[in-house]
Amino acid sequence: MNKIKYGLKNVHYAVITNTAGVISFATPVRVPGAVNLSLSSTGEKVDFYADDSAYFRTNTNSGYEGDLEIAIVPDSFKIDVLGETIDANGAQIENSNVIPKDFALMFEFSGDVNATRHVMYNVNAARPNIEGSTKTGTLEPKTEVLKITASPAIDTGNVKAKLKPTDTGYDTFYSAVYLEDAVINTLATSSSTMSKAAASDLTIDATSTDEANAVKDVKFNGVSIGGANMSYAGVDATINSAYIAALNVATYTITVEFVKGNAVTYLLTVTA
């Protein structure tokens, strides 16, 4: 039984895109240097009186609000979420006209004996303060604090979810935002080595919790290889030997995307 939680770790954010009311999440991005997360529940107590008594009582769930403390808020977060931009000279610009984006927040605690992973679906963050002090005889590291609000998701009303190691979706938790009754895709093996001189077709063997699922795209180091270089049967993708033979000697990250559920990542090392 848990008595305390400590050691905030594996903090990730996934930017939300709202297209005509259809919500989607970007691939989660890790936030290094997480220090502390402190959240309080928000909502209102509702009392309705009738027949000279409390006829109905309930409490509304508006989510949570509080602080996320980080060693240094990474530039990626400031660009992706807070809307800062990079100009032609490489300067990072903060502009008052930009509206910050909402995002999903994912995390876990070292002190949780159940190793539970958490996701909050609809989070908004305010800009961190700027603080600093002159150097003294004692080194006191400064941290940055994001004021955050976690609200119910606009499409489902879900506020948060948590998964234990025995739950489906736990192993792929940080590769895609977990959704209620989500389709989960997994690999039979995650890497292989192949020689250019003796290249053969490479089949990436995957399984899915949705029997009707199918491959949508295959990317090498983030770039789609195109349909002419691959074929697929259900959730198994096959890359043509000619495409592999033309690659440079290197290790490639192959990302297989599906019509439903999380993408999977496969490492291919190509030798001479």
Protein backbone atom coordinates (compact mmCIF):
# COMPACT_ATOMS: atom_id res chain seq x y z
CA MET A 1 0.00 0.00 0.00
CA ASN A 2 1.31 3.45 -0.90
CA LYS A 3 1.84 5.86 1.97
CA ILE A 4 3.83 8.54 0.17
CA LYS A 5 4.82 9.45 -3.36
CA TYR A 6 8.24 10.83 -4.24
CA GLY A 7 10.55 11.06 -7.20
CA LEU A 8 8.49 12.60 -10.00
CA LYS A 9 9.83 11.17 -13.27
CA ASN A 10 9.07 10.44 -16.91
CA VAL A 11 7.15 13.67 -17.41
CA HIS A 12 5.94 14.00 -21.01
CA TYR A 13 3.67 16.39 -22.87
CA ALA A 14 1.63 15.78 -26.02
CA VAL A 15 0.19 18.82 -27.79
CA ILE A 16 -3.53 18.73 -28.56
CA THR A 17 -4.94 19.49 -32.00
CA ASN A 18 -8.64 20.31 -32.27
CA THR A 19 -9.94 19.89 -35.82
CA ALA A 20 -13.65 20.74 -35.99
CA GLY A 21 -14.17 19.22 -32.55
CA VAL A 22 -12.09 16.10 -33.26
CA ILE A 23 -9.28 15.87 -30.70
CA SER A 24 -5.90 14.33 -31.53
CA PHE A 25 -2.59 14.23 -29.69
CA ALA A 26 0.95 14.66 -30.97
CA THR A 27 3.65 12.14 -30.10
CA PRO A 28 4.60 12.63 -26.42
CA VAL A 29 7.80 14.60 -25.75
CA ARG A 30 9.86 14.00 -22.62
CA VAL A 31 10.50 16.88 -20.19
CA PRO A 32 13.84 16.31 -18.40
CA GLY A 33 14.56 17.65 -14.94
CA ALA A 34 11.13 17.16 -13.35
CA VAL A 35 11.20 18.13 -9.66
CA ASN A 36 7.70 18.26 -8.19
CA LEU A 37 4.02 18.11 -9.14
CA SER A 38 1.44 19.54 -6.76
CA LEU A 39 -2.24 19.53 -7.79
CA SER A 40 -5.48 20.31 -5.98
CA SER A 41 -8.89 19.16 -7.17
CA THR A 42 -11.31 21.84 -8.34
CA GLY A 43 -15.09 21.87 -8.50
CA GLU A 44 -18.16 23.05 -6.62
CA LYS A 45 -20.53 21.56 -4.11
CA VAL A 46 -24.11 21.77 -5.37
CA ASP A 47 -27.07 21.64 -2.98
CA PHE A 48 -30.65 21.65 -4.26
CA TYR A 49 -33.40 22.12 -1.71
CA ALA A 50 -36.97 20.93 -2.08
CA ASP A 51 -39.69 19.69 0.28
CA ASP A 52 -38.04 21.75 2.99
CA SER A 53 -34.85 19.64 2.90
CA ALA A 54 -31.67 18.98 0.94
CA TYR A 55 -33.31 17.18 -1.98
CA PHE A 56 -30.18 16.62 -4.06
CA ARG A 57 -26.47 17.05 -3.42
CA THR A 58 -23.45 16.56 -5.63
CA ASN A 59 -19.96 17.83 -6.33
CA THR A 60 -18.88 18.95 -9.78
CA ASN A 61 -15.54 17.83 -11.22
CA SER A 62 -13.68 20.69 -12.87
CA GLY A 63 -10.33 18.90 -12.82
CA TYR A 64 -7.18 20.03 -11.02
CA GLU A 65 -4.91 23.02 -10.72
CA GLY A 66 -1.47 23.52 -9.26
CA ASP A 67 2.25 23.64 -10.02
CA LEU A 68 4.69 21.62 -12.10
CA GLU A 69 8.24 22.37 -10.96
CA ILE A 70 11.07 21.70 -13.42
CA ALA A 71 14.81 22.32 -13.26
CA ILE A 72 14.56 24.35 -16.50
CA VAL A 73 11.50 24.47 -18.76
CA PRO A 74 12.90 23.12 -22.06
CA ASP A 75 12.83 25.24 -25.19
CA SER A 76 10.84 22.52 -26.96
CA PHE A 77 7.98 23.05 -24.50
CA LYS A 78 8.16 26.83 -24.88
CA ILE A 79 7.93 26.46 -28.66
CA ASP A 80 5.40 23.61 -28.90
CA VAL A 81 3.07 24.71 -26.08
CA LEU A 82 3.72 28.34 -25.18
CA GLY A 83 4.04 29.37 -28.82
CA GLU A 84 7.51 30.89 -28.85
CA THR A 85 9.15 31.06 -32.28
CA ILE A 86 12.63 30.99 -33.77
CA ASP A 87 13.49 33.86 -36.14
CA ALA A 88 15.86 33.80 -39.13
CA ASN A 89 18.83 34.59 -36.88
CA GLY A 90 18.12 31.76 -34.47
CA ALA A 91 16.70 33.97 -31.69
CA GLN A 92 13.82 32.54 -29.67
CA ILE A 93 10.94 35.03 -29.51
CA GLU A 94 8.08 35.30 -26.98
CA ASN A 95 5.09 37.22 -28.34
CA SER A 96 2.13 38.53 -26.33
CA ASN A 97 -0.36 37.79 -29.14
CA VAL A 98 0.25 34.02 -29.07
CA ILE A 99 -2.33 31.77 -27.41
CA PRO A 100 -0.71 28.77 -25.64
CA LYS A 101 -1.76 25.31 -26.77
CA ASP A 102 -3.43 22.72 -24.57
CA PHE A 103 -1.66 19.41 -24.04
CA ALA A 104 -1.83 16.03 -22.33
CA LEU A 105 0.50 15.60 -19.35
CA MET A 106 2.00 12.20 -18.58
CA PHE A 107 4.08 11.18 -15.56
CA GLU A 108 4.84 8.67 -12.81
CA PHE A 109 6.44 8.55 -9.35
CA SER A 110 9.48 6.54 -8.23
CA GLY A 111 7.90 6.11 -4.81
CA ASP A 112 4.78 4.44 -6.17
CA VAL A 113 5.17 0.74 -5.37
CA ASN A 114 2.58 -0.03 -8.06
CA ALA A 115 4.63 1.82 -10.72
CA THR A 116 1.43 3.51 -11.91
CA ARG A 117 1.59 5.76 -14.97
CA HIS A 118 -0.72 8.77 -15.17
CA VAL A 119 -2.11 10.94 -17.98
CA MET A 120 -4.13 14.14 -17.70
CA TYR A 121 -5.96 14.82 -20.93
CA ASN A 122 -6.55 18.56 -21.17
CA VAL A 123 -3.86 20.70 -19.52
CA ASN A 124 -3.07 24.38 -19.91
CA ALA A 125 0.12 26.04 -18.65
CA ALA A 126 1.01 29.64 -17.84
CA ARG A 127 4.45 31.09 -18.59
CA PRO A 128 7.08 30.45 -15.89
CA ASN A 129 8.54 33.33 -13.92
CA ILE A 130 12.08 34.54 -14.65
CA GLU A 131 14.30 34.39 -11.59
CA GLY A 132 18.00 34.60 -10.89
CA SER A 133 20.44 35.72 -8.27
CA THR A 134 24.09 36.66 -8.04
CA LYS A 135 26.65 33.99 -7.26
CA THR A 136 27.41 33.52 -3.55
CA GLY A 137 29.50 31.15 -1.46
CA THR A 138 26.64 28.63 -1.44
CA LEU A 139 25.31 27.13 -4.65
CA GLU A 140 21.49 27.13 -4.63
CA PRO A 141 20.02 25.76 -7.86
CA LYS A 142 17.00 27.66 -9.14
CA THR A 143 13.98 25.87 -10.60
CA GLU A 144 11.12 27.01 -12.81
CA VAL A 145 7.44 26.52 -12.01
CA LEU A 146 4.60 26.13 -14.48
CA LYS A 147 1.14 27.02 -13.19
CA ILE A 148 -1.09 24.37 -14.76
CA THR A 149 -4.80 23.64 -14.97
CA ALA A 150 -6.08 20.19 -15.89
CA SER A 151 -9.66 20.34 -17.17
CA PRO A 152 -12.06 17.66 -18.45
CA ALA A 153 -11.44 16.76 -22.09
CA ILE A 154 -13.86 18.63 -24.34
CA ASP A 155 -14.80 15.54 -26.37
CA THR A 156 -15.10 12.84 -23.69
CA GLY A 157 -15.19 14.65 -20.35
CA ASN A 158 -12.34 12.44 -19.15
CA VAL A 159 -9.97 14.23 -16.77
CA LYS A 160 -7.26 11.64 -16.26
CA ALA A 161 -6.37 7.97 -16.50
CA LYS A 162 -3.81 5.69 -14.87
CA LEU A 163 -2.37 2.34 -15.84
CA LYS A 164 -0.59 -0.34 -13.82
CA PRO A 165 2.13 -2.62 -15.25
CA THR A 166 -0.41 -5.41 -15.80
CA ASP A 167 -2.74 -3.19 -17.87
CA THR A 168 -2.85 -3.29 -21.66
CA GLY A 169 -1.16 -0.15 -22.95
CA TYR A 170 1.31 0.22 -20.09
CA ASP A 171 4.37 -0.70 -22.16
CA THR A 172 3.47 1.76 -24.93
CA PHE A 173 2.28 4.45 -22.53
CA TYR A 174 4.86 7.07 -23.48
CA SER A 175 4.74 6.41 -27.23
CA ALA A 176 1.15 7.68 -27.62
CA VAL A 177 -1.46 9.22 -25.32
CA TYR A 178 -3.60 6.46 -23.85
CA LEU A 179 -7.29 6.83 -24.72
CA GLU A 180 -10.24 5.06 -23.17
CA ASP A 181 -10.51 1.52 -24.60
CA ALA A 182 -7.57 2.41 -26.82
CA VAL A 183 -6.31 0.22 -29.64
CA ILE A 184 -2.85 -1.03 -28.60
CA ASN A 185 -0.24 -2.07 -31.16
CA THR A 186 2.91 -4.01 -30.23
CA LEU A 187 5.90 -5.61 -31.96
CA ALA A 188 7.03 -9.23 -31.83
CA THR A 189 10.67 -8.05 -32.05
CA SER A 190 12.05 -4.52 -32.01
CA SER A 191 15.35 -4.69 -33.93
CA SER A 192 17.44 -6.55 -36.49
CA THR A 193 20.64 -6.30 -38.54
CA MET A 194 20.83 -6.74 -42.31
CA SER A 195 23.64 -6.59 -44.84
CA LYS A 196 23.30 -4.41 -47.94
CA ALA A 197 25.04 -7.09 -49.97
CA ALA A 198 22.51 -9.72 -48.99
CA ALA A 199 19.43 -7.61 -48.45
CA SER A 200 16.06 -9.34 -48.25
CA ASP A 201 12.53 -8.16 -47.67
CA LEU A 202 12.07 -7.05 -44.05
CA THR A 203 8.74 -7.88 -42.43
CA ILE A 204 7.96 -6.03 -39.23
CA ASP A 205 5.68 -8.34 -37.29
CA ALA A 206 3.08 -6.45 -35.24
CA THR A 207 -0.08 -7.34 -33.34
CA SER A 208 -3.07 -5.16 -32.53
CA THR A 209 -5.98 -5.35 -30.10
CA ASP A 210 -8.19 -4.39 -33.07
CA GLU A 211 -8.32 -7.27 -35.57
CA ALA A 212 -9.45 -4.90 -38.33
CA ASN A 213 -6.53 -2.49 -37.86
CA ALA A 214 -4.10 -1.79 -40.70
CA VAL A 215 -0.80 -0.07 -41.47
CA LYS A 216 -1.13 3.59 -42.47
CA ASP A 217 2.50 4.57 -43.14
CA VAL A 218 6.11 3.49 -42.61
CA LYS A 219 8.84 6.05 -41.93
CA PHE A 220 12.64 5.77 -41.88
CA ASN A 221 14.11 8.35 -39.49
CA GLY A 222 10.85 10.28 -39.68
CA VAL A 223 10.54 10.30 -43.49
CA SER A 224 7.83 8.27 -45.22
CA ILE A 225 9.29 5.63 -47.56
CA GLY A 226 6.26 5.65 -49.87
CA GLY A 227 3.94 2.87 -50.93
CA ALA A 228 6.15 1.69 -53.79
CA ASN A 229 8.82 0.57 -51.30
CA MET A 230 6.57 -1.45 -49.03
CA SER A 231 3.54 -3.66 -48.73
CA TYR A 232 1.43 -4.67 -45.79
CA ALA A 233 -0.99 -7.33 -44.63
CA GLY A 234 -3.11 -6.18 -41.73
CA VAL A 235 -0.66 -4.69 -39.21
CA ASP A 236 2.45 -6.40 -40.63
CA ALA A 237 4.58 -4.12 -42.83
CA THR A 238 7.11 -5.44 -45.34
CA ILE A 239 9.91 -3.21 -46.70
CA ASN A 240 11.28 -4.20 -50.11
CA SER A 241 14.84 -5.58 -50.29
CA ALA A 242 15.77 -3.10 -53.04
CA TYR A 243 14.99 -0.18 -50.74
CA ILE A 244 17.15 -1.65 -47.96
CA ALA A 245 20.02 -2.41 -50.36
CA ALA A 246 20.11 1.26 -51.41
CA LEU A 247 20.47 2.54 -47.83
CA ASN A 248 23.72 3.82 -46.35
CA VAL A 249 25.47 1.83 -43.65
CA ALA A 250 23.81 3.09 -40.47
CA THR A 251 21.14 2.34 -37.89
CA TYR A 252 17.66 3.49 -38.86
CA THR A 253 14.60 4.14 -36.70
CA ILE A 254 11.60 2.70 -38.49
CA THR A 255 8.24 4.03 -37.33
CA VAL A 256 5.15 2.09 -38.32
CA GLU A 257 1.92 4.07 -38.05
CA PHE A 258 -1.50 2.46 -38.01
CA VAL A 259 -5.03 3.52 -38.86
CA LYS A 260 -5.90 3.09 -35.19
CA GLY A 261 -3.81 3.24 -32.03
CA ASN A 262 -0.18 3.92 -31.24
CA ALA A 263 2.74 3.83 -33.65
CA VAL A 264 5.56 1.33 -33.01
CA THR A 265 9.32 1.80 -33.41
CA TYR A 266 11.76 -0.71 -34.91
CA LEU A 267 15.56 -0.35 -35.19
CA LEU A 268 17.26 -1.63 -38.35
CA THR A 269 21.05 -1.72 -38.51
CA VAL A 270 22.33 -1.85 -42.08
CA THR A 271 25.86 -3.18 -42.61
CA ALA A 272 28.01 -3.50 -45.70
